[in-house]
Amino acid sequence: MNYPLVIVGAGGFGRELLTWIGEQSAGRSSHVRGFLDDNPAALEDFDIELPILGDPLTYQPSGDERLVLAIGQPATKLKLAELLRSRGGKFATLIHTSARVGPRCQLGEGVIISPNAGVSCDVTLGDFVMLNCFATVGHDAHIGRGTTLSSHVDCTGNTRIGAGVFLGSHAAVIPGIAVGDGATVAAGSVAMRNVPAGATVLGVPAKKIFQAPVPSGSGDS
């Protein structure tokens, strides 16, 4: 069944999503109902006729629509997801036609797989995982809920990426490495050893440059 879509976030990624959705609808984006954003003027400088329907913090989702989370920052993304879910919101999983998803993969609710991204075989992507353009996930990898893979990220085979992780553009995680919940692998960095939860790592090989407090009860499902 086709549902009207509401894009949560009217920033750059939200506008990209609108474009990609239109590409898969014969150039039309008529099934996108509008955007949610805390800035009602977010689209004023762009030739986009769709409305800002409200602030995601106060919006009441309709039963006939599906939400699309156009939020890159994992903590914010997960906060909004849980808030909108608590009001009955349901989320679309979007896979661009140029992306490739292999056999026996498990995809959670609200997953976004952008143009030219690739997911190998036997991969698990948790709820609200986002792969930006040309990101890849190798065989048997597990990516936790809310994690963002920026463009050209390479999570190789048998990696285990926790919940709420941010992987910057061109970051790589080598085979068998684990990245803990809430960690950040900075752009261009290569994680060659396990990354602790809440850590920010930078460089080749990646080294810890910051350690955030880790909330109790965090999980990677």
N, C-alpha and C. Protein backbone atom coordinates (compact mmCIF):
# COMPACT_ATOMS: atom_id res chain seq x y z
N MET A 1 0.85 -1.19 0.00
CA MET A 1 0.00 0.00 0.00
C MET A 1 0.88 1.24 0.00
N ASN A 2 0.52 2.25 -0.79
CA ASN A 2 1.25 3.50 -0.82
C ASN A 2 0.65 4.49 0.17
N TYR A 3 1.50 5.07 0.98
CA TYR A 3 1.06 6.04 1.96
C TYR A 3 1.64 7.41 1.62
N PRO A 4 0.92 8.49 1.97
CA PRO A 4 1.56 9.80 1.88
C PRO A 4 2.75 9.85 2.83
N LEU A 5 3.81 10.54 2.41
CA LEU A 5 5.02 10.64 3.21
C LEU A 5 5.15 12.03 3.80
N VAL A 6 5.66 12.10 5.01
CA VAL A 6 6.01 13.37 5.66
C VAL A 6 7.48 13.29 6.03
N ILE A 7 8.27 14.22 5.51
CA ILE A 7 9.71 14.23 5.75
C ILE A 7 9.99 15.03 7.01
N VAL A 8 10.63 14.39 7.98
CA VAL A 8 10.95 15.04 9.25
C VAL A 8 12.33 15.68 9.12
N GLY A 9 12.35 17.00 8.98
CA GLY A 9 13.58 17.74 8.77
C GLY A 9 13.59 18.37 7.38
N ALA A 10 13.60 19.70 7.32
CA ALA A 10 13.56 20.42 6.05
C ALA A 10 14.91 21.02 5.71
N GLY A 11 15.97 20.45 6.25
CA GLY A 11 17.31 20.89 5.92
C GLY A 11 17.80 20.24 4.63
N GLY A 12 19.13 20.23 4.46
CA GLY A 12 19.71 19.73 3.23
C GLY A 12 19.36 18.29 2.95
N PHE A 13 19.44 17.41 3.96
CA PHE A 13 19.14 16.01 3.72
C PHE A 13 17.66 15.80 3.41
N GLY A 14 16.79 16.58 4.06
CA GLY A 14 15.36 16.49 3.75
C GLY A 14 15.09 16.85 2.31
N ARG A 15 15.76 17.89 1.81
CA ARG A 15 15.57 18.29 0.41
C ARG A 15 16.17 17.25 -0.55
N GLU A 16 17.28 16.63 -0.15
CA GLU A 16 17.81 15.53 -0.96
C GLU A 16 16.82 14.38 -1.05
N LEU A 17 16.24 14.02 0.09
CA LEU A 17 15.27 12.93 0.09
C LEU A 17 14.08 13.23 -0.81
N LEU A 18 13.61 14.47 -0.78
CA LEU A 18 12.52 14.86 -1.65
C LEU A 18 12.89 14.62 -3.11
N THR A 19 14.11 14.98 -3.48
CA THR A 19 14.58 14.77 -4.85
C THR A 19 14.60 13.29 -5.20
N TRP A 20 15.16 12.47 -4.30
CA TRP A 20 15.29 11.03 -4.60
C TRP A 20 13.93 10.35 -4.66
N ILE A 21 13.01 10.76 -3.80
CA ILE A 21 11.67 10.19 -3.85
C ILE A 21 11.02 10.55 -5.18
N GLY A 22 11.21 11.79 -5.63
CA GLY A 22 10.66 12.21 -6.92
C GLY A 22 11.25 11.44 -8.08
N GLU A 23 12.53 11.10 -8.00
CA GLU A 23 13.18 10.33 -9.07
C GLU A 23 12.53 8.97 -9.26
N GLN A 24 11.99 8.43 -8.19
CA GLN A 24 11.39 7.10 -8.25
C GLN A 24 9.89 7.16 -8.48
N SER A 25 9.39 8.36 -8.78
CA SER A 25 7.95 8.54 -9.01
C SER A 25 7.73 9.28 -10.32
N ALA A 26 8.51 8.89 -11.34
CA ALA A 26 8.42 9.50 -12.67
C ALA A 26 8.61 11.00 -12.59
N GLY A 27 9.53 11.42 -11.72
CA GLY A 27 9.84 12.84 -11.61
C GLY A 27 8.86 13.63 -10.77
N ARG A 28 7.86 12.96 -10.18
CA ARG A 28 6.87 13.65 -9.37
C ARG A 28 7.09 13.33 -7.89
N SER A 29 6.80 14.29 -7.04
CA SER A 29 6.90 14.07 -5.59
C SER A 29 5.56 14.33 -4.93
N SER A 30 4.48 14.08 -5.67
CA SER A 30 3.15 14.44 -5.20
C SER A 30 2.72 13.61 -3.99
N HIS A 31 3.35 12.46 -3.76
CA HIS A 31 2.94 11.66 -2.61
C HIS A 31 3.68 12.07 -1.34
N VAL A 32 4.52 13.10 -1.41
CA VAL A 32 5.08 13.70 -0.20
C VAL A 32 4.15 14.81 0.25
N ARG A 33 3.63 14.67 1.45
CA ARG A 33 2.63 15.61 1.96
C ARG A 33 3.26 16.92 2.40
N GLY A 34 4.47 16.86 2.91
CA GLY A 34 5.14 18.06 3.40
C GLY A 34 6.26 17.70 4.35
N PHE A 35 6.75 18.69 5.08
CA PHE A 35 7.88 18.55 5.98
C PHE A 35 7.48 18.88 7.41
N LEU A 36 8.24 18.36 8.35
CA LEU A 36 8.19 18.82 9.73
C LEU A 36 9.52 19.49 10.06
N ASP A 37 9.48 20.66 10.67
CA ASP A 37 10.71 21.36 11.04
C ASP A 37 10.37 22.40 12.09
N ASP A 38 11.32 22.65 13.00
CA ASP A 38 11.07 23.68 14.02
C ASP A 38 11.25 25.09 13.48
N ASN A 39 11.71 25.21 12.23
CA ASN A 39 11.84 26.50 11.57
C ASN A 39 10.79 26.60 10.47
N PRO A 40 9.70 27.35 10.67
CA PRO A 40 8.65 27.41 9.64
C PRO A 40 9.09 28.08 8.35
N ALA A 41 10.25 28.75 8.37
CA ALA A 41 10.76 29.42 7.17
C ALA A 41 11.88 28.63 6.50
N ALA A 42 12.04 27.36 6.84
CA ALA A 42 13.19 26.58 6.38
C ALA A 42 13.26 26.44 4.87
N LEU A 43 12.13 26.51 4.18
CA LEU A 43 12.12 26.29 2.73
C LEU A 43 11.94 27.57 1.93
N GLU A 44 11.95 28.72 2.58
CA GLU A 44 11.63 29.96 1.89
C GLU A 44 12.60 30.30 0.76
N ASP A 45 13.85 29.91 0.88
CA ASP A 45 14.86 30.24 -0.14
C ASP A 45 14.96 29.19 -1.24
N PHE A 46 14.03 28.24 -1.27
CA PHE A 46 14.10 27.16 -2.24
C PHE A 46 12.78 27.06 -3.00
N ASP A 47 12.88 26.61 -4.22
CA ASP A 47 11.69 26.47 -5.07
C ASP A 47 10.99 25.15 -4.76
N ILE A 48 10.43 25.09 -3.56
CA ILE A 48 9.72 23.90 -3.09
C ILE A 48 8.35 24.35 -2.62
N GLU A 49 7.32 23.82 -3.22
CA GLU A 49 5.97 24.27 -2.93
C GLU A 49 5.33 23.53 -1.76
N LEU A 50 5.96 22.47 -1.30
CA LEU A 50 5.38 21.72 -0.19
C LEU A 50 5.44 22.51 1.11
N PRO A 51 4.47 22.33 1.99
CA PRO A 51 4.42 23.12 3.22
C PRO A 51 5.26 22.53 4.35
N ILE A 52 5.58 23.38 5.31
CA ILE A 52 6.03 22.93 6.63
C ILE A 52 4.77 22.66 7.44
N LEU A 53 4.55 21.41 7.78
CA LEU A 53 3.30 21.01 8.42
C LEU A 53 3.29 21.26 9.92
N GLY A 54 4.46 21.49 10.49
CA GLY A 54 4.53 21.73 11.92
C GLY A 54 5.89 21.40 12.48
N ASP A 55 6.00 21.55 13.78
CA ASP A 55 7.22 21.24 14.53
C ASP A 55 7.17 19.77 14.93
N PRO A 56 8.22 19.00 14.67
CA PRO A 56 8.17 17.57 15.05
C PRO A 56 7.99 17.35 16.55
N LEU A 57 8.35 18.33 17.36
CA LEU A 57 8.19 18.16 18.80
C LEU A 57 6.73 18.21 19.24
N THR A 58 5.87 18.80 18.42
CA THR A 58 4.46 18.92 18.80
C THR A 58 3.51 18.28 17.79
N TYR A 59 4.02 17.78 16.68
CA TYR A 59 3.18 17.27 15.60
C TYR A 59 2.46 15.99 16.03
N GLN A 60 1.18 15.90 15.63
CA GLN A 60 0.41 14.68 15.86
C GLN A 60 0.31 13.91 14.54
N PRO A 61 1.02 12.79 14.39
CA PRO A 61 0.97 12.04 13.13
C PRO A 61 -0.43 11.54 12.82
N SER A 62 -0.71 11.46 11.51
CA SER A 62 -1.97 10.92 11.02
C SER A 62 -1.79 9.44 10.70
N GLY A 63 -2.85 8.69 10.87
CA GLY A 63 -2.77 7.25 10.63
C GLY A 63 -2.58 6.87 9.18
N ASP A 64 -2.84 7.80 8.26
CA ASP A 64 -2.73 7.46 6.84
C ASP A 64 -1.39 7.87 6.23
N GLU A 65 -0.42 8.25 7.06
CA GLU A 65 0.87 8.72 6.53
C GLU A 65 2.02 7.93 7.13
N ARG A 66 3.16 8.02 6.48
CA ARG A 66 4.39 7.44 7.00
C ARG A 66 5.44 8.54 7.08
N LEU A 67 6.19 8.53 8.16
CA LEU A 67 7.22 9.53 8.42
C LEU A 67 8.56 9.06 7.88
N VAL A 68 9.35 10.02 7.42
CA VAL A 68 10.70 9.74 6.92
C VAL A 68 11.65 10.65 7.69
N LEU A 69 12.58 10.07 8.43
CA LEU A 69 13.48 10.85 9.29
C LEU A 69 14.69 11.33 8.49
N ALA A 70 14.69 12.60 8.14
CA ALA A 70 15.81 13.20 7.40
C ALA A 70 16.73 13.92 8.38
N ILE A 71 17.19 13.18 9.37
CA ILE A 71 18.04 13.72 10.44
C ILE A 71 19.32 12.91 10.47
N GLY A 72 20.46 13.57 10.35
CA GLY A 72 21.72 12.85 10.35
C GLY A 72 22.28 12.58 11.73
N GLN A 73 22.10 13.52 12.66
CA GLN A 73 22.68 13.40 14.00
C GLN A 73 21.94 12.31 14.78
N PRO A 74 22.62 11.23 15.16
CA PRO A 74 21.90 10.07 15.71
C PRO A 74 21.09 10.35 16.97
N ALA A 75 21.64 11.10 17.93
CA ALA A 75 20.90 11.33 19.17
C ALA A 75 19.60 12.07 18.91
N THR A 76 19.67 13.11 18.07
CA THR A 76 18.46 13.86 17.72
C THR A 76 17.48 12.98 16.98
N LYS A 77 17.98 12.19 16.04
CA LYS A 77 17.13 11.29 15.25
C LYS A 77 16.38 10.32 16.16
N LEU A 78 17.08 9.69 17.11
CA LEU A 78 16.43 8.72 17.98
C LEU A 78 15.44 9.39 18.93
N LYS A 79 15.76 10.58 19.40
CA LYS A 79 14.84 11.31 20.28
C LYS A 79 13.54 11.61 19.56
N LEU A 80 13.64 12.12 18.33
CA LEU A 80 12.44 12.44 17.57
C LEU A 80 11.67 11.18 17.20
N ALA A 81 12.38 10.11 16.87
CA ALA A 81 11.71 8.86 16.52
C ALA A 81 10.86 8.35 17.67
N GLU A 82 11.41 8.34 18.86
CA GLU A 82 10.67 7.84 20.01
C GLU A 82 9.50 8.75 20.35
N LEU A 83 9.70 10.08 20.23
CA LEU A 83 8.62 11.02 20.51
C LEU A 83 7.46 10.82 19.54
N LEU A 84 7.78 10.74 18.25
CA LEU A 84 6.72 10.57 17.25
C LEU A 84 6.09 9.18 17.33
N ARG A 85 6.87 8.18 17.67
CA ARG A 85 6.30 6.84 17.88
C ARG A 85 5.30 6.85 19.04
N SER A 86 5.62 7.59 20.09
CA SER A 86 4.74 7.64 21.26
C SER A 86 3.39 8.25 20.93
N ARG A 87 3.33 9.00 19.82
CA ARG A 87 2.07 9.60 19.37
C ARG A 87 1.44 8.79 18.24
N GLY A 88 1.93 7.59 18.03
CA GLY A 88 1.35 6.72 17.02
C GLY A 88 1.98 6.82 15.65
N GLY A 89 3.09 7.56 15.52
CA GLY A 89 3.74 7.71 14.24
C GLY A 89 4.33 6.41 13.73
N LYS A 90 4.21 6.19 12.42
CA LYS A 90 4.81 5.04 11.75
C LYS A 90 5.78 5.55 10.71
N PHE A 91 6.84 4.78 10.45
CA PHE A 91 7.95 5.26 9.66
C PHE A 91 8.16 4.41 8.41
N ALA A 92 8.43 5.10 7.31
CA ALA A 92 8.71 4.41 6.04
C ALA A 92 10.17 3.98 5.99
N THR A 93 10.41 2.83 5.39
CA THR A 93 11.75 2.41 5.00
C THR A 93 11.92 2.70 3.52
N LEU A 94 12.95 3.48 3.16
CA LEU A 94 13.16 3.90 1.79
C LEU A 94 14.48 3.34 1.26
N ILE A 95 14.41 2.70 0.12
CA ILE A 95 15.60 2.16 -0.55
C ILE A 95 15.61 2.70 -1.98
N HIS A 96 16.60 3.51 -2.31
CA HIS A 96 16.66 4.07 -3.65
C HIS A 96 16.87 2.95 -4.68
N THR A 97 16.33 3.14 -5.86
CA THR A 97 16.40 2.09 -6.88
C THR A 97 17.83 1.81 -7.34
N SER A 98 18.75 2.75 -7.14
CA SER A 98 20.14 2.52 -7.52
C SER A 98 20.94 1.83 -6.42
N ALA A 99 20.37 1.71 -5.23
CA ALA A 99 21.04 1.00 -4.13
C ALA A 99 20.90 -0.50 -4.32
N ARG A 100 21.77 -1.25 -3.65
CA ARG A 100 21.72 -2.70 -3.75
C ARG A 100 21.68 -3.31 -2.35
N VAL A 101 20.71 -4.20 -2.13
CA VAL A 101 20.58 -4.91 -0.85
C VAL A 101 20.60 -6.40 -1.16
N GLY A 102 21.54 -7.11 -0.55
CA GLY A 102 21.71 -8.52 -0.82
C GLY A 102 20.72 -9.40 -0.10
N PRO A 103 20.88 -10.73 -0.26
CA PRO A 103 19.93 -11.67 0.33
C PRO A 103 20.10 -11.82 1.84
N ARG A 104 19.00 -12.22 2.47
CA ARG A 104 18.96 -12.57 3.90
C ARG A 104 19.32 -11.38 4.80
N CYS A 105 19.07 -10.19 4.34
CA CYS A 105 19.31 -9.00 5.17
C CYS A 105 18.04 -8.67 5.95
N GLN A 106 18.22 -8.16 7.15
CA GLN A 106 17.10 -7.74 7.99
C GLN A 106 17.16 -6.23 8.16
N LEU A 107 16.11 -5.55 7.74
CA LEU A 107 16.04 -4.10 7.81
C LEU A 107 14.94 -3.68 8.77
N GLY A 108 15.27 -2.80 9.71
CA GLY A 108 14.30 -2.32 10.66
C GLY A 108 13.39 -1.25 10.08
N GLU A 109 12.53 -0.72 10.93
CA GLU A 109 11.62 0.35 10.55
C GLU A 109 12.40 1.65 10.33
N GLY A 110 11.99 2.42 9.33
CA GLY A 110 12.56 3.74 9.14
C GLY A 110 13.96 3.77 8.58
N VAL A 111 14.44 2.67 8.02
CA VAL A 111 15.78 2.63 7.41
C VAL A 111 15.76 3.43 6.11
N ILE A 112 16.84 4.18 5.84
CA ILE A 112 17.00 4.91 4.59
C ILE A 112 18.30 4.46 3.93
N ILE A 113 18.20 3.99 2.70
CA ILE A 113 19.37 3.57 1.92
C ILE A 113 19.40 4.44 0.67
N SER A 114 20.39 5.31 0.60
CA SER A 114 20.45 6.38 -0.39
C SER A 114 21.02 5.88 -1.72
N PRO A 115 21.01 6.74 -2.75
CA PRO A 115 21.50 6.33 -4.07
C PRO A 115 22.91 5.75 -4.03
N ASN A 116 23.06 4.63 -4.75
CA ASN A 116 24.34 3.96 -4.96
C ASN A 116 24.97 3.38 -3.69
N ALA A 117 24.21 3.30 -2.62
CA ALA A 117 24.69 2.61 -1.42
C ALA A 117 24.57 1.10 -1.63
N GLY A 118 25.35 0.33 -0.86
CA GLY A 118 25.34 -1.12 -1.03
C GLY A 118 25.32 -1.85 0.29
N VAL A 119 24.45 -2.85 0.40
CA VAL A 119 24.36 -3.70 1.59
C VAL A 119 24.57 -5.13 1.11
N SER A 120 25.56 -5.81 1.65
CA SER A 120 25.90 -7.15 1.21
C SER A 120 24.91 -8.16 1.78
N CYS A 121 25.31 -9.40 1.89
CA CYS A 121 24.40 -10.45 2.36
C CYS A 121 24.46 -10.61 3.88
N ASP A 122 23.33 -11.07 4.44
CA ASP A 122 23.26 -11.47 5.85
C ASP A 122 23.59 -10.31 6.80
N VAL A 123 23.13 -9.13 6.45
CA VAL A 123 23.37 -7.91 7.22
C VAL A 123 22.11 -7.57 8.02
N THR A 124 22.30 -7.02 9.22
CA THR A 124 21.19 -6.50 10.02
C THR A 124 21.35 -5.00 10.17
N LEU A 125 20.31 -4.27 9.77
CA LEU A 125 20.25 -2.82 9.97
C LEU A 125 19.11 -2.54 10.93
N GLY A 126 19.40 -1.94 12.08
CA GLY A 126 18.38 -1.63 13.07
C GLY A 126 17.48 -0.49 12.62
N ASP A 127 16.45 -0.22 13.42
CA ASP A 127 15.53 0.87 13.12
C ASP A 127 16.29 2.19 12.93
N PHE A 128 15.86 2.96 11.95
CA PHE A 128 16.32 4.33 11.72
C PHE A 128 17.81 4.43 11.34
N VAL A 129 18.38 3.35 10.86
CA VAL A 129 19.73 3.41 10.30
C VAL A 129 19.65 4.15 8.96
N MET A 130 20.64 5.00 8.70
CA MET A 130 20.70 5.73 7.43
C MET A 130 22.04 5.51 6.77
N LEU A 131 22.00 5.09 5.49
CA LEU A 131 23.19 5.00 4.65
C LEU A 131 23.12 6.11 3.61
N ASN A 132 24.07 7.02 3.63
CA ASN A 132 24.12 8.07 2.63
C ASN A 132 24.75 7.52 1.34
N CYS A 133 24.86 8.36 0.33
CA CYS A 133 25.28 7.92 -1.00
C CYS A 133 26.63 7.20 -0.97
N PHE A 134 26.70 6.06 -1.65
CA PHE A 134 27.92 5.27 -1.84
C PHE A 134 28.44 4.63 -0.54
N ALA A 135 27.69 4.68 0.54
CA ALA A 135 28.08 3.93 1.74
C ALA A 135 27.89 2.44 1.50
N THR A 136 28.73 1.62 2.11
CA THR A 136 28.64 0.18 1.94
C THR A 136 28.72 -0.53 3.29
N VAL A 137 28.01 -1.66 3.36
CA VAL A 137 28.02 -2.51 4.56
C VAL A 137 28.31 -3.93 4.10
N GLY A 138 29.36 -4.54 4.65
CA GLY A 138 29.80 -5.86 4.22
C GLY A 138 29.00 -6.99 4.86
N HIS A 139 29.29 -8.19 4.41
CA HIS A 139 28.57 -9.39 4.84
C HIS A 139 28.60 -9.57 6.35
N ASP A 140 27.48 -10.01 6.89
CA ASP A 140 27.35 -10.40 8.31
C ASP A 140 27.54 -9.24 9.27
N ALA A 141 27.50 -8.01 8.80
CA ALA A 141 27.63 -6.86 9.69
C ALA A 141 26.32 -6.60 10.42
N HIS A 142 26.42 -5.97 11.56
CA HIS A 142 25.26 -5.57 12.36
C HIS A 142 25.39 -4.09 12.66
N ILE A 143 24.40 -3.31 12.23
CA ILE A 143 24.40 -1.87 12.44
C ILE A 143 23.25 -1.52 13.38
N GLY A 144 23.55 -0.94 14.53
CA GLY A 144 22.55 -0.67 15.56
C GLY A 144 21.63 0.49 15.21
N ARG A 145 20.53 0.55 15.92
CA ARG A 145 19.46 1.51 15.64
C ARG A 145 19.96 2.96 15.70
N GLY A 146 19.46 3.75 14.78
CA GLY A 146 19.76 5.18 14.78
C GLY A 146 21.11 5.56 14.25
N THR A 147 21.91 4.62 13.83
CA THR A 147 23.27 4.92 13.36
C THR A 147 23.22 5.56 11.97
N THR A 148 24.14 6.50 11.74
CA THR A 148 24.24 7.20 10.46
C THR A 148 25.57 6.87 9.81
N LEU A 149 25.51 6.39 8.57
CA LEU A 149 26.69 6.19 7.74
C LEU A 149 26.71 7.31 6.70
N SER A 150 27.66 8.21 6.80
CA SER A 150 27.77 9.31 5.85
C SER A 150 28.23 8.77 4.48
N SER A 151 28.35 9.67 3.51
CA SER A 151 28.69 9.23 2.17
C SER A 151 30.06 8.56 2.13
N HIS A 152 30.16 7.49 1.33
CA HIS A 152 31.40 6.75 1.09
C HIS A 152 31.94 6.04 2.33
N VAL A 153 31.15 5.85 3.36
CA VAL A 153 31.57 5.05 4.52
C VAL A 153 31.65 3.58 4.10
N ASP A 154 32.62 2.87 4.67
CA ASP A 154 32.78 1.44 4.38
C ASP A 154 32.83 0.67 5.69
N CYS A 155 31.71 0.02 6.02
CA CYS A 155 31.69 -0.92 7.15
C CYS A 155 31.87 -2.31 6.56
N THR A 156 33.02 -2.90 6.77
CA THR A 156 33.37 -4.14 6.10
C THR A 156 32.74 -5.35 6.80
N GLY A 157 33.05 -6.54 6.31
CA GLY A 157 32.40 -7.75 6.80
C GLY A 157 32.61 -8.02 8.28
N ASN A 158 31.55 -8.55 8.90
CA ASN A 158 31.59 -8.97 10.31
C ASN A 158 31.83 -7.82 11.28
N THR A 159 31.61 -6.60 10.87
CA THR A 159 31.70 -5.49 11.82
C THR A 159 30.42 -5.43 12.64
N ARG A 160 30.55 -4.88 13.84
CA ARG A 160 29.38 -4.69 14.71
C ARG A 160 29.39 -3.24 15.17
N ILE A 161 28.43 -2.49 14.66
CA ILE A 161 28.33 -1.06 14.95
C ILE A 161 27.15 -0.87 15.90
N GLY A 162 27.37 -0.19 16.99
CA GLY A 162 26.34 -0.04 18.01
C GLY A 162 25.24 0.92 17.62
N ALA A 163 24.40 1.25 18.60
CA ALA A 163 23.29 2.17 18.39
C ALA A 163 23.78 3.61 18.47
N GLY A 164 23.16 4.47 17.66
CA GLY A 164 23.44 5.89 17.74
C GLY A 164 24.85 6.28 17.38
N VAL A 165 25.49 5.54 16.51
CA VAL A 165 26.87 5.81 16.08
C VAL A 165 26.83 6.75 14.87
N PHE A 166 27.82 7.65 14.79
CA PHE A 166 27.98 8.51 13.62
C PHE A 166 29.30 8.19 12.96
N LEU A 167 29.24 7.83 11.67
CA LEU A 167 30.42 7.54 10.87
C LEU A 167 30.55 8.63 9.81
N GLY A 168 31.61 9.42 9.89
CA GLY A 168 31.80 10.55 9.00
C GLY A 168 32.18 10.12 7.60
N SER A 169 32.08 11.05 6.67
CA SER A 169 32.33 10.76 5.26
C SER A 169 33.69 10.11 5.06
N HIS A 170 33.71 9.02 4.27
CA HIS A 170 34.92 8.25 3.93
C HIS A 170 35.54 7.52 5.13
N ALA A 171 34.83 7.44 6.25
CA ALA A 171 35.32 6.61 7.36
C ALA A 171 35.22 5.14 6.99
N ALA A 172 36.08 4.32 7.59
CA ALA A 172 36.05 2.88 7.35
C ALA A 172 36.23 2.13 8.66
N VAL A 173 35.58 0.97 8.74
CA VAL A 173 35.72 0.07 9.88
C VAL A 173 36.16 -1.26 9.30
N ILE A 174 37.34 -1.75 9.72
CA ILE A 174 37.89 -2.95 9.10
C ILE A 174 37.20 -4.21 9.64
N PRO A 175 37.35 -5.35 8.96
CA PRO A 175 36.60 -6.55 9.30
C PRO A 175 36.74 -6.97 10.76
N GLY A 176 35.58 -7.31 11.34
CA GLY A 176 35.55 -7.86 12.69
C GLY A 176 35.60 -6.85 13.81
N ILE A 177 35.72 -5.56 13.49
CA ILE A 177 35.85 -4.53 14.53
C ILE A 177 34.47 -4.13 15.04
N ALA A 178 34.40 -3.81 16.33
CA ALA A 178 33.17 -3.34 16.97
C ALA A 178 33.31 -1.86 17.31
N VAL A 179 32.23 -1.13 17.10
CA VAL A 179 32.15 0.29 17.46
C VAL A 179 31.01 0.43 18.45
N GLY A 180 31.29 0.95 19.64
CA GLY A 180 30.31 0.99 20.71
C GLY A 180 29.22 2.02 20.52
N ASP A 181 28.15 1.88 21.30
CA ASP A 181 27.01 2.79 21.22
C ASP A 181 27.45 4.25 21.36
N GLY A 182 26.85 5.12 20.55
CA GLY A 182 27.07 6.55 20.69
C GLY A 182 28.45 7.04 20.29
N ALA A 183 29.25 6.19 19.67
CA ALA A 183 30.60 6.59 19.27
C ALA A 183 30.56 7.37 17.96
N THR A 184 31.67 8.05 17.66
CA THR A 184 31.85 8.76 16.40
C THR A 184 33.19 8.35 15.79
N VAL A 185 33.15 7.95 14.52
CA VAL A 185 34.37 7.73 13.75
C VAL A 185 34.46 8.89 12.77
N ALA A 186 35.43 9.76 12.97
CA ALA A 186 35.50 11.01 12.23
C ALA A 186 35.75 10.77 10.74
N ALA A 187 35.42 11.77 9.95
CA ALA A 187 35.56 11.68 8.50
C ALA A 187 36.99 11.30 8.12
N GLY A 188 37.10 10.36 7.19
CA GLY A 188 38.40 9.92 6.69
C GLY A 188 39.18 9.01 7.60
N SER A 189 38.61 8.64 8.74
CA SER A 189 39.33 7.81 9.71
C SER A 189 39.10 6.33 9.44
N VAL A 190 40.04 5.50 9.92
CA VAL A 190 39.93 4.05 9.76
C VAL A 190 40.01 3.40 11.14
N ALA A 191 38.90 2.78 11.56
CA ALA A 191 38.86 2.08 12.84
C ALA A 191 39.48 0.71 12.67
N MET A 192 40.70 0.53 13.22
CA MET A 192 41.43 -0.72 13.09
C MET A 192 41.44 -1.51 14.39
N ARG A 193 40.86 -0.94 15.43
CA ARG A 193 40.66 -1.65 16.70
C ARG A 193 39.30 -1.24 17.24
N ASN A 194 38.78 -1.98 18.20
CA ASN A 194 37.46 -1.71 18.74
C ASN A 194 37.37 -0.29 19.30
N VAL A 195 36.24 0.36 19.06
CA VAL A 195 36.00 1.73 19.51
C VAL A 195 35.05 1.69 20.70
N PRO A 196 35.45 2.24 21.87
CA PRO A 196 34.57 2.20 23.04
C PRO A 196 33.29 3.00 22.83
N ALA A 197 32.25 2.63 23.55
CA ALA A 197 31.01 3.40 23.53
C ALA A 197 31.29 4.85 23.92
N GLY A 198 30.68 5.78 23.22
CA GLY A 198 30.81 7.20 23.54
C GLY A 198 32.10 7.86 23.11
N ALA A 199 33.01 7.11 22.50
CA ALA A 199 34.30 7.67 22.11
C ALA A 199 34.21 8.33 20.74
N THR A 200 35.04 9.36 20.53
CA THR A 200 35.27 9.92 19.21
C THR A 200 36.69 9.58 18.80
N VAL A 201 36.82 8.97 17.63
CA VAL A 201 38.15 8.56 17.17
C VAL A 201 38.45 9.25 15.84
N LEU A 202 39.74 9.50 15.62
CA LEU A 202 40.18 10.27 14.46
C LEU A 202 41.51 9.74 13.97
N GLY A 203 41.67 9.65 12.65
CA GLY A 203 42.98 9.35 12.07
C GLY A 203 43.06 7.97 11.46
N VAL A 204 44.26 7.68 10.93
CA VAL A 204 44.55 6.39 10.31
C VAL A 204 45.86 5.87 10.88
N PRO A 205 45.82 4.88 11.79
CA PRO A 205 44.62 4.28 12.36
C PRO A 205 43.93 5.25 13.33
N ALA A 206 42.63 5.07 13.53
CA ALA A 206 41.85 5.98 14.37
C ALA A 206 42.27 5.86 15.84
N LYS A 207 42.45 7.01 16.46
CA LYS A 207 42.79 7.08 17.89
C LYS A 207 41.77 7.94 18.62
N LYS A 208 41.53 7.60 19.88
CA LYS A 208 40.52 8.31 20.65
C LYS A 208 40.97 9.73 20.96
N ILE A 209 40.09 10.70 20.66
CA ILE A 209 40.39 12.10 20.98
C ILE A 209 39.39 12.68 21.96
N PHE A 210 38.30 11.94 22.24
CA PHE A 210 37.28 12.43 23.16
C PHE A 210 36.50 11.24 23.69
N GLN A 211 36.06 11.33 24.94
CA GLN A 211 35.24 10.28 25.54
C GLN A 211 34.04 10.91 26.21
N ALA A 212 32.86 10.66 25.67
CA ALA A 212 31.63 11.17 26.27
C ALA A 212 31.13 10.19 27.33
N PRO A 213 30.38 10.68 28.32
CA PRO A 213 29.74 9.77 29.28
C PRO A 213 28.80 8.81 28.54
N VAL A 214 28.74 7.58 28.98
CA VAL A 214 27.90 6.57 28.34
C VAL A 214 26.68 6.35 29.22
N PRO A 215 25.45 6.61 28.69
CA PRO A 215 24.24 6.39 29.48
C PRO A 215 24.08 4.93 29.83
N SER A 216 23.56 4.67 31.01
CA SER A 216 23.28 3.28 31.39
C SER A 216 22.11 2.76 30.60
N GLY A 217 22.11 1.46 30.34
CA GLY A 217 21.00 0.84 29.64
C GLY A 217 21.01 1.04 28.15
N SER A 218 22.11 1.53 27.59
CA SER A 218 22.16 1.69 26.13
C SER A 218 22.25 0.32 25.49
N GLY A 219 21.78 0.24 24.23
CA GLY A 219 21.78 -1.03 23.52
C GLY A 219 21.89 -0.81 22.04
N ASP A 220 22.23 -1.89 21.30
CA ASP A 220 22.50 -1.72 19.88
C ASP A 220 21.45 -2.36 18.99
N SER A 221 20.31 -2.69 19.55
CA SER A 221 19.28 -3.34 18.72
C SER A 221 18.55 -2.35 17.85
